[in-house]
Amino acid sequence: MHICIVHIRIRVLHDCQEKVYTAHMKTEAKDTKPYHHGNLRESLLAAARRLLETEGHSNLSLRKCAQAAGVSATAPQNHFANKEALLTALAAQGYAELETYMKRGVKETADRGARRQAALLGYVAFAQELPALYELMFARDRVSSSDPDLLRHVGACFVILADLSKDFGRYHGDAAKVEAKRQMFVWSLVHGYAQLLTADRFKKDTMQGMNIFDIIPDLGT
């Protein structure tokens, strides 16, 4: 009788060990996704860009980005503290690409007229080709406007706009204010035009087939 009881206890202990081991293996199986692979930050940003274009910034999350990048749900926390940090990084990336678009196809030694044409056309092309990213870049409630990387890339774009606005239009008064008025006018012009065009607001037949230069007869040189 005593031997039987001991045998039963051993069997119960063995069964418990098996259950613990099985549970442990299942837990490990759930976390089989790699903690990171290659450049995790760039992989997450690439995944976020894809999701941004299909779902918009409102539906984007760190968990979805991790899943799309093929990493564990907690992996993004090593690079992005929260969703705002991720969206801010995307916006900074957007401004960096906008700068490239605005310089595309023109040499730095080209005259201001050529630089102006390239910058305005590049700005509009960027908005049309990457509408979701373009929208995020100006969503101030979604990004950290004090982020150093974001400010650096915004500043680079503004330098281009400031350059192409020189000698633009006829303004009078204090020289500093005149330059500020020119910069505000040019940015308002191209940004407003890009948004309306992207939103397909120019529906009248007489508005079809035009570009930004068709609505400004003389940009000056």
N, C-alpha and C. Protein backbone atom coordinates (compact mmCIF):
# COMPACT_ATOMS: atom_id res chain seq x y z
N MET A 1 0.84 -1.20 0.00
CA MET A 1 0.00 0.00 0.00
C MET A 1 0.87 1.25 0.00
N HIS A 2 1.90 1.25 0.88
CA HIS A 2 2.82 2.37 0.97
C HIS A 2 3.53 2.60 -0.37
N ILE A 3 3.96 1.52 -0.99
CA ILE A 3 4.66 1.61 -2.29
C ILE A 3 3.74 2.19 -3.34
N CYS A 4 2.47 1.84 -3.31
CA CYS A 4 1.48 2.33 -4.28
C CYS A 4 1.30 3.84 -4.15
N ILE A 5 1.23 4.30 -2.88
CA ILE A 5 1.05 5.74 -2.64
C ILE A 5 2.26 6.51 -3.16
N VAL A 6 3.45 6.02 -2.89
CA VAL A 6 4.67 6.65 -3.37
C VAL A 6 4.68 6.72 -4.89
N HIS A 7 4.28 5.64 -5.53
CA HIS A 7 4.23 5.58 -6.99
C HIS A 7 3.27 6.64 -7.54
N ILE A 8 2.12 6.76 -6.87
CA ILE A 8 1.12 7.75 -7.32
C ILE A 8 1.68 9.16 -7.18
N ARG A 9 2.37 9.43 -6.05
CA ARG A 9 2.94 10.76 -5.85
C ARG A 9 3.99 11.09 -6.91
N ILE A 10 4.81 10.10 -7.21
CA ILE A 10 5.84 10.30 -8.24
C ILE A 10 5.19 10.61 -9.59
N ARG A 11 4.12 9.87 -9.89
CA ARG A 11 3.42 10.06 -11.16
C ARG A 11 2.80 11.46 -11.24
N VAL A 12 2.19 11.91 -10.13
CA VAL A 12 1.59 13.25 -10.09
C VAL A 12 2.65 14.32 -10.28
N LEU A 13 3.79 14.14 -9.58
CA LEU A 13 4.90 15.08 -9.71
C LEU A 13 5.41 15.14 -11.14
N HIS A 14 5.51 14.00 -11.77
CA HIS A 14 5.97 13.92 -13.15
C HIS A 14 5.01 14.65 -14.09
N ASP A 15 3.70 14.42 -13.86
CA ASP A 15 2.68 15.08 -14.69
C ASP A 15 2.74 16.59 -14.53
N CYS A 16 2.96 17.07 -13.32
CA CYS A 16 3.06 18.50 -13.06
C CYS A 16 4.26 19.11 -13.77
N GLN A 17 5.38 18.39 -13.73
CA GLN A 17 6.59 18.86 -14.40
C GLN A 17 6.37 18.96 -15.91
N GLU A 18 5.65 17.98 -16.45
CA GLU A 18 5.37 18.00 -17.88
C GLU A 18 4.50 19.20 -18.25
N LYS A 19 3.50 19.50 -17.40
CA LYS A 19 2.61 20.62 -17.66
C LYS A 19 3.38 21.94 -17.61
N VAL A 20 4.26 22.08 -16.62
CA VAL A 20 5.07 23.29 -16.50
C VAL A 20 5.97 23.46 -17.72
N TYR A 21 6.60 22.36 -18.13
CA TYR A 21 7.49 22.39 -19.30
C TYR A 21 6.72 22.76 -20.56
N THR A 22 5.52 22.17 -20.72
CA THR A 22 4.70 22.45 -21.90
C THR A 22 4.29 23.91 -21.93
N ALA A 23 3.90 24.44 -20.76
CA ALA A 23 3.50 25.84 -20.69
C ALA A 23 4.67 26.75 -21.02
N HIS A 24 5.86 26.38 -20.55
CA HIS A 24 7.06 27.16 -20.83
C HIS A 24 7.37 27.18 -22.32
N MET A 25 7.24 26.04 -22.97
CA MET A 25 7.51 25.94 -24.39
C MET A 25 6.51 26.75 -25.20
N LYS A 26 5.24 26.77 -24.75
CA LYS A 26 4.23 27.56 -25.45
C LYS A 26 4.54 29.05 -25.33
N THR A 27 5.00 29.46 -24.15
CA THR A 27 5.36 30.86 -23.94
C THR A 27 6.51 31.27 -24.84
N GLU A 28 7.51 30.38 -24.93
CA GLU A 28 8.64 30.65 -25.81
C GLU A 28 8.20 30.74 -27.27
N ALA A 29 7.25 29.87 -27.63
CA ALA A 29 6.77 29.85 -29.01
C ALA A 29 6.10 31.17 -29.38
N LYS A 30 5.43 31.79 -28.37
CA LYS A 30 4.76 33.06 -28.64
C LYS A 30 5.77 34.16 -28.92
N ASP A 31 6.95 34.04 -28.33
CA ASP A 31 7.97 35.08 -28.46
C ASP A 31 9.08 34.69 -29.43
N THR A 32 8.74 33.89 -30.42
CA THR A 32 9.76 33.45 -31.35
C THR A 32 10.20 34.56 -32.30
N LYS A 33 9.42 35.65 -32.38
CA LYS A 33 9.84 36.75 -33.24
C LYS A 33 11.13 37.34 -32.71
N PRO A 34 12.06 37.66 -33.55
CA PRO A 34 13.34 38.19 -33.10
C PRO A 34 13.18 39.52 -32.40
N TYR A 35 14.02 39.77 -31.43
CA TYR A 35 13.98 41.03 -30.71
C TYR A 35 14.28 42.19 -31.64
N HIS A 36 15.21 42.01 -32.51
CA HIS A 36 15.46 42.99 -33.56
C HIS A 36 16.25 42.33 -34.67
N HIS A 37 16.26 42.97 -35.80
CA HIS A 37 17.05 42.44 -36.91
C HIS A 37 17.61 43.61 -37.70
N GLY A 38 18.91 43.57 -37.97
CA GLY A 38 19.53 44.65 -38.73
C GLY A 38 19.33 45.97 -38.03
N ASN A 39 18.98 46.99 -38.80
CA ASN A 39 18.70 48.30 -38.25
C ASN A 39 17.22 48.37 -37.88
N LEU A 40 16.91 48.13 -36.63
CA LEU A 40 15.52 48.04 -36.19
C LEU A 40 14.78 49.35 -36.41
N ARG A 41 15.42 50.46 -36.11
CA ARG A 41 14.75 51.76 -36.25
C ARG A 41 14.30 51.99 -37.69
N GLU A 42 15.19 51.72 -38.63
CA GLU A 42 14.85 51.92 -40.04
C GLU A 42 13.78 50.93 -40.49
N SER A 43 13.84 49.72 -39.97
CA SER A 43 12.83 48.71 -40.32
C SER A 43 11.45 49.13 -39.82
N LEU A 44 11.41 49.69 -38.62
CA LEU A 44 10.14 50.15 -38.06
C LEU A 44 9.59 51.35 -38.83
N LEU A 45 10.48 52.25 -39.21
CA LEU A 45 10.04 53.42 -39.98
C LEU A 45 9.52 53.01 -41.36
N ALA A 46 10.19 52.03 -41.96
CA ALA A 46 9.73 51.54 -43.27
C ALA A 46 8.35 50.90 -43.14
N ALA A 47 8.16 50.13 -42.07
CA ALA A 47 6.86 49.51 -41.84
C ALA A 47 5.80 50.57 -41.56
N ALA A 48 6.18 51.60 -40.80
CA ALA A 48 5.25 52.69 -40.49
C ALA A 48 4.84 53.45 -41.75
N ARG A 49 5.78 53.63 -42.66
CA ARG A 49 5.47 54.32 -43.92
C ARG A 49 4.44 53.55 -44.72
N ARG A 50 4.59 52.24 -44.77
CA ARG A 50 3.63 51.41 -45.51
C ARG A 50 2.25 51.49 -44.87
N LEU A 51 2.21 51.41 -43.55
CA LEU A 51 0.94 51.48 -42.84
C LEU A 51 0.32 52.87 -42.96
N LEU A 52 1.16 53.89 -42.96
CA LEU A 52 0.67 55.27 -43.07
C LEU A 52 -0.09 55.47 -44.37
N GLU A 53 0.43 54.92 -45.45
CA GLU A 53 -0.20 55.10 -46.75
C GLU A 53 -1.51 54.32 -46.87
N THR A 54 -1.63 53.22 -46.14
CA THR A 54 -2.84 52.38 -46.27
C THR A 54 -3.88 52.67 -45.19
N GLU A 55 -3.42 53.07 -43.98
CA GLU A 55 -4.35 53.23 -42.87
C GLU A 55 -4.43 54.65 -42.31
N GLY A 56 -3.48 55.51 -42.69
CA GLY A 56 -3.47 56.87 -42.15
C GLY A 56 -2.83 56.92 -40.78
N HIS A 57 -2.41 58.13 -40.36
CA HIS A 57 -1.68 58.24 -39.10
C HIS A 57 -2.55 58.00 -37.87
N SER A 58 -3.86 58.18 -37.99
CA SER A 58 -4.74 57.97 -36.84
C SER A 58 -4.79 56.50 -36.41
N ASN A 59 -4.71 55.60 -37.37
CA ASN A 59 -4.82 54.17 -37.08
C ASN A 59 -3.47 53.48 -36.90
N LEU A 60 -2.41 54.23 -37.02
CA LEU A 60 -1.07 53.65 -36.91
C LEU A 60 -0.71 53.46 -35.43
N SER A 61 -0.03 52.38 -35.10
CA SER A 61 0.39 52.12 -33.72
C SER A 61 1.75 51.42 -33.71
N LEU A 62 2.43 51.49 -32.57
CA LEU A 62 3.72 50.82 -32.43
C LEU A 62 3.57 49.31 -32.57
N ARG A 63 2.49 48.78 -32.03
CA ARG A 63 2.26 47.33 -32.12
C ARG A 63 2.10 46.89 -33.57
N LYS A 64 1.34 47.66 -34.35
CA LYS A 64 1.15 47.32 -35.76
C LYS A 64 2.46 47.40 -36.53
N CYS A 65 3.26 48.39 -36.20
CA CYS A 65 4.56 48.54 -36.87
C CYS A 65 5.48 47.37 -36.53
N ALA A 66 5.46 46.96 -35.27
CA ALA A 66 6.28 45.82 -34.85
C ALA A 66 5.86 44.56 -35.59
N GLN A 67 4.57 44.35 -35.69
CA GLN A 67 4.05 43.17 -36.38
C GLN A 67 4.44 43.21 -37.86
N ALA A 68 4.30 44.38 -38.49
CA ALA A 68 4.65 44.53 -39.90
C ALA A 68 6.14 44.35 -40.14
N ALA A 69 6.95 44.73 -39.15
CA ALA A 69 8.41 44.61 -39.28
C ALA A 69 8.90 43.23 -38.89
N GLY A 70 8.01 42.41 -38.31
CA GLY A 70 8.39 41.05 -37.93
C GLY A 70 9.21 40.97 -36.66
N VAL A 71 8.95 41.89 -35.71
CA VAL A 71 9.67 41.87 -34.44
C VAL A 71 8.66 41.80 -33.30
N SER A 72 9.16 41.61 -32.08
CA SER A 72 8.28 41.49 -30.92
C SER A 72 7.58 42.82 -30.65
N ALA A 73 6.46 42.75 -29.96
CA ALA A 73 5.64 43.94 -29.71
C ALA A 73 6.35 44.98 -28.85
N THR A 74 7.32 44.55 -28.04
CA THR A 74 8.03 45.47 -27.15
C THR A 74 9.30 46.05 -27.78
N ALA A 75 9.73 45.51 -28.89
CA ALA A 75 10.98 45.95 -29.52
C ALA A 75 11.00 47.44 -29.88
N PRO A 76 9.91 48.02 -30.39
CA PRO A 76 9.94 49.44 -30.78
C PRO A 76 10.25 50.39 -29.63
N GLN A 77 10.00 49.98 -28.39
CA GLN A 77 10.20 50.86 -27.25
C GLN A 77 11.65 51.27 -27.07
N ASN A 78 12.57 50.54 -27.68
CA ASN A 78 13.99 50.90 -27.58
C ASN A 78 14.34 52.08 -28.47
N HIS A 79 13.45 52.44 -29.39
CA HIS A 79 13.72 53.55 -30.30
C HIS A 79 12.65 54.63 -30.27
N PHE A 80 11.41 54.25 -29.93
CA PHE A 80 10.31 55.20 -29.91
C PHE A 80 9.54 55.03 -28.61
N ALA A 81 9.54 56.07 -27.80
CA ALA A 81 8.89 55.98 -26.49
C ALA A 81 7.39 55.81 -26.61
N ASN A 82 6.81 56.37 -27.65
CA ASN A 82 5.37 56.30 -27.84
C ASN A 82 5.04 56.57 -29.31
N LYS A 83 3.76 56.61 -29.60
CA LYS A 83 3.31 56.82 -30.98
C LYS A 83 3.74 58.19 -31.50
N GLU A 84 3.67 59.20 -30.64
CA GLU A 84 4.07 60.54 -31.06
C GLU A 84 5.51 60.57 -31.53
N ALA A 85 6.38 59.86 -30.83
CA ALA A 85 7.80 59.82 -31.21
C ALA A 85 7.98 59.18 -32.57
N LEU A 86 7.21 58.13 -32.84
CA LEU A 86 7.27 57.45 -34.14
C LEU A 86 6.77 58.38 -35.24
N LEU A 87 5.64 59.05 -35.03
CA LEU A 87 5.09 59.95 -36.04
C LEU A 87 6.01 61.14 -36.27
N THR A 88 6.66 61.61 -35.21
CA THR A 88 7.60 62.72 -35.35
C THR A 88 8.79 62.32 -36.22
N ALA A 89 9.28 61.11 -36.02
CA ALA A 89 10.38 60.61 -36.85
C ALA A 89 9.95 60.49 -38.31
N LEU A 90 8.72 60.05 -38.53
CA LEU A 90 8.19 59.96 -39.89
C LEU A 90 8.09 61.34 -40.53
N ALA A 91 7.61 62.32 -39.76
CA ALA A 91 7.49 63.68 -40.27
C ALA A 91 8.86 64.26 -40.63
N ALA A 92 9.86 64.00 -39.77
CA ALA A 92 11.22 64.47 -40.05
C ALA A 92 11.74 63.83 -41.34
N GLN A 93 11.46 62.56 -41.49
CA GLN A 93 11.84 61.85 -42.72
C GLN A 93 11.15 62.48 -43.92
N GLY A 94 9.89 62.87 -43.74
CA GLY A 94 9.14 63.51 -44.82
C GLY A 94 9.76 64.82 -45.25
N TYR A 95 10.15 65.66 -44.30
CA TYR A 95 10.77 66.95 -44.65
C TYR A 95 12.12 66.75 -45.33
N ALA A 96 12.85 65.73 -44.90
CA ALA A 96 14.13 65.43 -45.55
C ALA A 96 13.90 65.07 -47.02
N GLU A 97 12.84 64.30 -47.27
CA GLU A 97 12.54 63.91 -48.65
C GLU A 97 11.98 65.10 -49.44
N LEU A 98 11.20 65.95 -48.77
CA LEU A 98 10.69 67.15 -49.44
C LEU A 98 11.83 68.03 -49.92
N GLU A 99 12.85 68.16 -49.10
CA GLU A 99 14.03 68.94 -49.50
C GLU A 99 14.64 68.37 -50.78
N THR A 100 14.73 67.05 -50.85
CA THR A 100 15.27 66.39 -52.04
C THR A 100 14.40 66.67 -53.26
N TYR A 101 13.10 66.59 -53.08
CA TYR A 101 12.16 66.88 -54.18
C TYR A 101 12.34 68.30 -54.68
N MET A 102 12.53 69.25 -53.77
CA MET A 102 12.62 70.66 -54.14
C MET A 102 13.94 71.01 -54.83
N LYS A 103 14.92 70.13 -54.67
CA LYS A 103 16.22 70.35 -55.32
C LYS A 103 16.41 69.48 -56.56
N ARG A 104 15.43 68.65 -56.82
CA ARG A 104 15.55 67.65 -57.88
C ARG A 104 15.64 68.29 -59.26
N GLY A 105 16.63 67.83 -60.01
CA GLY A 105 16.75 68.25 -61.41
C GLY A 105 17.33 69.63 -61.62
N VAL A 106 17.92 70.23 -60.61
CA VAL A 106 18.51 71.56 -60.78
C VAL A 106 19.83 71.63 -60.00
N LYS A 107 20.81 72.30 -60.57
CA LYS A 107 22.10 72.45 -59.91
C LYS A 107 22.08 73.63 -58.96
N GLU A 108 22.91 73.56 -57.92
CA GLU A 108 22.98 74.66 -56.96
C GLU A 108 23.46 75.94 -57.60
N THR A 109 24.20 75.81 -58.71
CA THR A 109 24.73 76.99 -59.40
C THR A 109 23.73 77.60 -60.38
N ALA A 110 22.57 76.97 -60.52
CA ALA A 110 21.55 77.49 -61.44
C ALA A 110 21.03 78.83 -60.94
N ASP A 111 20.46 79.64 -61.83
CA ASP A 111 19.94 80.94 -61.41
C ASP A 111 18.68 80.75 -60.57
N ARG A 112 18.26 81.82 -59.92
CA ARG A 112 17.14 81.72 -58.98
C ARG A 112 15.85 81.32 -59.69
N GLY A 113 15.67 81.74 -60.91
CA GLY A 113 14.47 81.37 -61.65
C GLY A 113 14.37 79.86 -61.83
N ALA A 114 15.49 79.21 -62.16
CA ALA A 114 15.50 77.75 -62.33
C ALA A 114 15.31 77.05 -61.00
N ARG A 115 15.95 77.57 -59.94
CA ARG A 115 15.81 76.99 -58.61
C ARG A 115 14.37 77.13 -58.11
N ARG A 116 13.77 78.26 -58.41
CA ARG A 116 12.39 78.51 -58.01
C ARG A 116 11.43 77.53 -58.70
N GLN A 117 11.64 77.35 -59.97
CA GLN A 117 10.78 76.44 -60.73
C GLN A 117 10.90 75.01 -60.19
N ALA A 118 12.13 74.56 -59.96
CA ALA A 118 12.36 73.21 -59.45
C ALA A 118 11.73 73.03 -58.07
N ALA A 119 11.88 74.04 -57.22
CA ALA A 119 11.39 73.94 -55.84
C ALA A 119 9.86 73.88 -55.80
N LEU A 120 9.20 74.74 -56.55
CA LEU A 120 7.74 74.78 -56.52
C LEU A 120 7.14 73.52 -57.14
N LEU A 121 7.69 73.10 -58.26
CA LEU A 121 7.19 71.87 -58.89
C LEU A 121 7.48 70.65 -58.01
N GLY A 122 8.65 70.64 -57.38
CA GLY A 122 9.01 69.53 -56.50
C GLY A 122 8.10 69.47 -55.28
N TYR A 123 7.77 70.61 -54.73
CA TYR A 123 6.87 70.67 -53.57
C TYR A 123 5.51 70.07 -53.91
N VAL A 124 4.97 70.48 -55.05
CA VAL A 124 3.66 69.99 -55.47
C VAL A 124 3.72 68.49 -55.78
N ALA A 125 4.78 68.05 -56.44
CA ALA A 125 4.93 66.64 -56.78
C ALA A 125 5.00 65.78 -55.52
N PHE A 126 5.71 66.25 -54.51
CA PHE A 126 5.81 65.52 -53.25
C PHE A 126 4.43 65.34 -52.63
N ALA A 127 3.65 66.40 -52.59
CA ALA A 127 2.31 66.34 -51.99
C ALA A 127 1.41 65.36 -52.74
N GLN A 128 1.54 65.32 -54.05
CA GLN A 128 0.71 64.43 -54.85
C GLN A 128 1.14 62.96 -54.73
N GLU A 129 2.44 62.73 -54.68
CA GLU A 129 2.95 61.36 -54.66
C GLU A 129 2.90 60.73 -53.27
N LEU A 130 2.98 61.55 -52.23
CA LEU A 130 3.00 61.03 -50.85
C LEU A 130 1.99 61.80 -49.99
N PRO A 131 0.72 61.71 -50.33
CA PRO A 131 -0.30 62.51 -49.65
C PRO A 131 -0.43 62.24 -48.15
N ALA A 132 -0.33 60.98 -47.74
CA ALA A 132 -0.49 60.65 -46.32
C ALA A 132 0.68 61.21 -45.50
N LEU A 133 1.88 61.09 -46.03
CA LEU A 133 3.05 61.63 -45.35
C LEU A 133 2.99 63.16 -45.32
N TYR A 134 2.57 63.75 -46.41
CA TYR A 134 2.43 65.21 -46.51
C TYR A 134 1.44 65.72 -45.45
N GLU A 135 0.34 65.02 -45.30
CA GLU A 135 -0.67 65.40 -44.30
C GLU A 135 -0.09 65.31 -42.89
N LEU A 136 0.64 64.23 -42.61
CA LEU A 136 1.23 64.05 -41.29
C LEU A 136 2.22 65.16 -40.96
N MET A 137 2.99 65.60 -41.92
CA MET A 137 4.01 66.61 -41.70
C MET A 137 3.44 67.92 -41.16
N PHE A 138 2.18 68.18 -41.43
CA PHE A 138 1.55 69.42 -40.97
C PHE A 138 0.50 69.17 -39.89
N ALA A 139 0.48 67.96 -39.35
CA ALA A 139 -0.44 67.62 -38.26
C ALA A 139 0.24 67.92 -36.93
N ARG A 140 0.19 69.16 -36.51
CA ARG A 140 0.94 69.60 -35.33
C ARG A 140 0.49 68.91 -34.05
N ASP A 141 -0.75 68.45 -34.01
CA ASP A 141 -1.23 67.77 -32.81
C ASP A 141 -0.78 66.33 -32.73
N ARG A 142 -0.11 65.84 -33.78
CA ARG A 142 0.33 64.45 -33.82
C ARG A 142 1.84 64.29 -33.62
N VAL A 143 2.59 65.37 -33.80
CA VAL A 143 4.04 65.28 -33.73
C VAL A 143 4.58 66.26 -32.69
N SER A 144 5.82 66.05 -32.29
CA SER A 144 6.48 66.95 -31.35
C SER A 144 7.18 68.06 -32.12
N SER A 145 6.62 69.25 -32.09
CA SER A 145 7.16 70.36 -32.88
C SER A 145 8.50 70.86 -32.36
N SER A 146 8.92 70.40 -31.18
CA SER A 146 10.21 70.82 -30.61
C SER A 146 11.32 69.80 -30.85
N ASP A 147 11.02 68.73 -31.57
CA ASP A 147 12.01 67.69 -31.82
C ASP A 147 13.17 68.26 -32.66
N PRO A 148 14.42 68.13 -32.21
CA PRO A 148 15.56 68.71 -32.92
C PRO A 148 15.71 68.22 -34.36
N ASP A 149 15.53 66.93 -34.57
CA ASP A 149 15.68 66.37 -35.91
C ASP A 149 14.60 66.92 -36.85
N LEU A 150 13.39 67.01 -36.35
CA LEU A 150 12.29 67.57 -37.15
C LEU A 150 12.57 69.03 -37.48
N LEU A 151 12.99 69.81 -36.50
CA LEU A 151 13.26 71.23 -36.72
C LEU A 151 14.38 71.43 -37.73
N ARG A 152 15.37 70.56 -37.68
CA ARG A 152 16.49 70.67 -38.62
C ARG A 152 16.03 70.50 -40.06
N HIS A 153 15.19 69.51 -40.30
CA HIS A 153 14.73 69.25 -41.67
C HIS A 153 13.70 70.30 -42.13
N VAL A 154 12.87 70.77 -41.21
CA VAL A 154 11.94 71.85 -41.55
C VAL A 154 12.74 73.10 -41.93
N GLY A 155 13.77 73.38 -41.16
CA GLY A 155 14.61 74.54 -41.44
C GLY A 155 15.28 74.47 -42.80
N ALA A 156 15.72 73.28 -43.20
CA ALA A 156 16.36 73.11 -44.51
C ALA A 156 15.38 73.42 -45.64
N CYS A 157 14.13 73.00 -45.46
CA CYS A 157 13.11 73.29 -46.48
C CYS A 157 12.80 74.78 -46.53
N PHE A 158 12.77 75.40 -45.36
CA PHE A 158 12.45 76.83 -45.33
C PHE A 158 13.57 77.65 -45.97
N VAL A 159 14.80 77.21 -45.85
CA VAL A 159 15.92 77.91 -46.50
C VAL A 159 15.69 77.97 -48.00
N ILE A 160 15.21 76.88 -48.57
CA ILE A 160 14.93 76.83 -50.01
C ILE A 160 13.80 77.80 -50.35
N LEU A 161 12.73 77.78 -49.56
CA LEU A 161 11.60 78.68 -49.81
C LEU A 161 12.01 80.13 -49.65
N ALA A 162 12.85 80.41 -48.68
CA ALA A 162 13.32 81.78 -48.47
C ALA A 162 14.15 82.25 -49.66
N ASP A 163 14.96 81.36 -50.20
CA ASP A 163 15.78 81.69 -51.36
C ASP A 163 14.93 82.01 -52.58
N LEU A 164 13.93 81.17 -52.85
CA LEU A 164 13.15 81.37 -54.06
C LEU A 164 12.16 82.53 -53.94
N SER A 165 11.96 83.03 -52.71
CA SER A 165 11.04 84.15 -52.53
C SER A 165 11.72 85.51 -52.67
N LYS A 166 13.03 85.52 -52.75
CA LYS A 166 13.76 86.80 -52.87
C LYS A 166 13.35 87.51 -54.16
N ASP A 167 13.17 88.83 -54.05
CA ASP A 167 12.79 89.68 -55.19
C ASP A 167 11.45 89.26 -55.78
N PHE A 168 10.62 88.62 -55.00
CA PHE A 168 9.34 88.14 -55.49
C PHE A 168 8.25 89.14 -55.12
N GLY A 169 7.58 89.67 -56.12
CA GLY A 169 6.48 90.60 -55.87
C GLY A 169 6.93 91.98 -55.45
N ARG A 170 5.98 92.88 -55.42
CA ARG A 170 6.27 94.27 -55.06
C ARG A 170 5.71 94.57 -53.67
N TYR A 171 6.62 94.73 -52.75
CA TYR A 171 6.25 95.07 -51.38
C TYR A 171 7.02 96.32 -50.97
N HIS A 172 6.44 97.04 -50.00
CA HIS A 172 7.07 98.27 -49.54
C HIS A 172 7.18 98.25 -48.02
N GLY A 173 8.12 99.02 -47.51
CA GLY A 173 8.29 99.12 -46.07
C GLY A 173 9.62 98.57 -45.60
N ASP A 174 9.68 98.21 -44.32
CA ASP A 174 10.89 97.71 -43.70
C ASP A 174 11.41 96.48 -44.45
N ALA A 175 12.71 96.44 -44.72
CA ALA A 175 13.31 95.38 -45.53
C ALA A 175 13.07 93.99 -44.92
N ALA A 176 13.22 93.88 -43.60
CA ALA A 176 13.03 92.58 -42.95
C ALA A 176 11.58 92.10 -43.09
N LYS A 177 10.65 93.03 -42.95
CA LYS A 177 9.24 92.67 -43.07
C LYS A 177 8.88 92.34 -44.51
N VAL A 178 9.50 93.05 -45.44
CA VAL A 178 9.26 92.76 -46.86
C VAL A 178 9.68 91.33 -47.18
N GLU A 179 10.86 90.92 -46.70
CA GLU A 179 11.32 89.56 -46.94
C GLU A 179 10.38 88.54 -46.28
N ALA A 180 9.92 88.86 -45.07
CA ALA A 180 9.00 87.96 -44.36
C ALA A 180 7.69 87.83 -45.14
N LYS A 181 7.19 88.92 -45.68
CA LYS A 181 5.95 88.90 -46.47
C LYS A 181 6.12 88.03 -47.72
N ARG A 182 7.27 88.17 -48.36
CA ARG A 182 7.53 87.37 -49.56
C ARG A 182 7.58 85.88 -49.23
N GLN A 183 8.27 85.55 -48.14
CA GLN A 183 8.37 84.15 -47.74
C GLN A 183 7.00 83.57 -47.39
N MET A 184 6.20 84.34 -46.65
CA MET A 184 4.86 83.89 -46.27
C MET A 184 3.98 83.71 -47.50
N PHE A 185 4.11 84.64 -48.45
CA PHE A 185 3.28 84.54 -49.65
C PHE A 185 3.62 83.30 -50.47
N VAL A 186 4.92 83.07 -50.70
CA VAL A 186 5.34 81.94 -51.52
C VAL A 186 4.96 80.61 -50.86
N TRP A 187 5.20 80.48 -49.55
CA TRP A 187 4.86 79.23 -48.86
C TRP A 187 3.35 79.02 -48.86
N SER A 188 2.60 80.09 -48.59
CA SER A 188 1.14 79.97 -48.61
C SER A 188 0.64 79.58 -49.99
N LEU A 189 1.25 80.15 -51.00
CA LEU A 189 0.86 79.86 -52.37
C LEU A 189 1.07 78.39 -52.71
N VAL A 190 2.29 77.91 -52.52
CA VAL A 190 2.61 76.54 -52.94
C VAL A 190 1.93 75.51 -52.04
N HIS A 191 1.85 75.80 -50.75
CA HIS A 191 1.21 74.85 -49.83
C HIS A 191 -0.30 74.77 -50.10
N GLY A 192 -0.92 75.92 -50.27
CA GLY A 192 -2.35 75.92 -50.55
C GLY A 192 -2.68 75.26 -51.87
N TYR A 193 -1.88 75.56 -52.88
CA TYR A 193 -2.09 74.95 -54.20
C TYR A 193 -1.92 73.43 -54.13
N ALA A 194 -0.87 72.99 -53.43
CA ALA A 194 -0.60 71.55 -53.32
C ALA A 194 -1.74 70.84 -52.61
N GLN A 195 -2.24 71.43 -51.54
CA GLN A 195 -3.34 70.80 -50.79
C GLN A 195 -4.61 70.72 -51.63
N LEU A 196 -4.95 71.80 -52.31
CA LEU A 196 -6.16 71.81 -53.12
C LEU A 196 -6.05 70.84 -54.29
N LEU A 197 -4.87 70.77 -54.90
CA LEU A 197 -4.67 69.87 -56.02
C LEU A 197 -4.75 68.42 -55.56
N THR A 198 -4.12 68.12 -54.44
CA THR A 198 -4.14 66.76 -53.90
C THR A 198 -5.55 66.33 -53.51
N ALA A 199 -6.34 67.30 -53.03
CA ALA A 199 -7.73 67.01 -52.64
C ALA A 199 -8.67 67.03 -53.85
N ASP A 200 -8.12 67.23 -55.05
CA ASP A 200 -8.90 67.23 -56.28
C ASP A 200 -10.01 68.28 -56.26
N ARG A 201 -9.62 69.51 -55.86
CA ARG A 201 -10.59 70.59 -55.77
C ARG A 201 -10.72 71.40 -57.06
N PHE A 202 -9.78 71.26 -57.95
CA PHE A 202 -9.83 72.01 -59.21
C PHE A 202 -10.60 71.21 -60.25
N LYS A 203 -11.91 71.23 -60.13
CA LYS A 203 -12.75 70.36 -60.96
C LYS A 203 -13.29 71.03 -62.23
N LYS A 204 -13.29 72.35 -62.26
CA LYS A 204 -13.83 73.03 -63.43
C LYS A 204 -13.01 72.71 -64.68
N ASP A 205 -13.68 72.62 -65.81
CA ASP A 205 -12.99 72.30 -67.06
C ASP A 205 -11.88 73.31 -67.35
N THR A 206 -12.14 74.57 -67.03
CA THR A 206 -11.15 75.62 -67.32
C THR A 206 -9.93 75.53 -66.41
N MET A 207 -10.02 74.72 -65.35
CA MET A 207 -8.90 74.57 -64.42
C MET A 207 -8.05 73.34 -64.72
N GLN A 208 -8.50 72.51 -65.63
CA GLN A 208 -7.80 71.26 -65.92
C GLN A 208 -6.51 71.51 -66.70
N GLY A 209 -5.52 70.66 -66.43
CA GLY A 209 -4.28 70.69 -67.19
C GLY A 209 -3.34 71.82 -66.85
N MET A 210 -3.56 72.49 -65.72
CA MET A 210 -2.68 73.60 -65.33
C MET A 210 -1.69 73.16 -64.26
N ASN A 211 -0.59 73.90 -64.14
CA ASN A 211 0.30 73.70 -63.01
C ASN A 211 0.44 75.03 -62.28
N ILE A 212 1.24 75.04 -61.25
CA ILE A 212 1.32 76.21 -60.39
C ILE A 212 1.79 77.46 -61.14
N PHE A 213 2.59 77.27 -62.18
CA PHE A 213 3.10 78.42 -62.92
C PHE A 213 2.05 79.05 -63.83
N ASP A 214 1.02 78.29 -64.15
CA ASP A 214 -0.05 78.82 -64.99
C ASP A 214 -0.92 79.82 -64.24
N ILE A 215 -0.89 79.78 -62.93
CA ILE A 215 -1.71 80.72 -62.17
C ILE A 215 -0.88 81.92 -61.70
N ILE A 216 0.41 81.91 -62.00
CA ILE A 216 1.28 83.04 -61.65
C ILE A 216 2.00 83.48 -62.93
N PRO A 217 1.50 84.47 -63.64
CA PRO A 217 2.07 84.86 -64.93
C PRO A 217 3.56 85.22 -64.87
N ASP A 218 3.97 85.90 -63.77
CA ASP A 218 5.35 86.37 -63.71
C ASP A 218 5.89 86.17 -62.30
N LEU A 219 6.80 85.22 -62.16
CA LEU A 219 7.42 84.96 -60.87
C LEU A 219 8.64 85.84 -60.63
N GLY A 220 9.13 86.47 -61.63
CA GLY A 220 10.34 87.25 -61.49
C GLY A 220 11.57 86.38 -61.53
N THR A 221 12.72 86.96 -61.52
CA THR A 221 13.98 86.22 -61.56
C THR A 221 14.90 86.69 -60.46
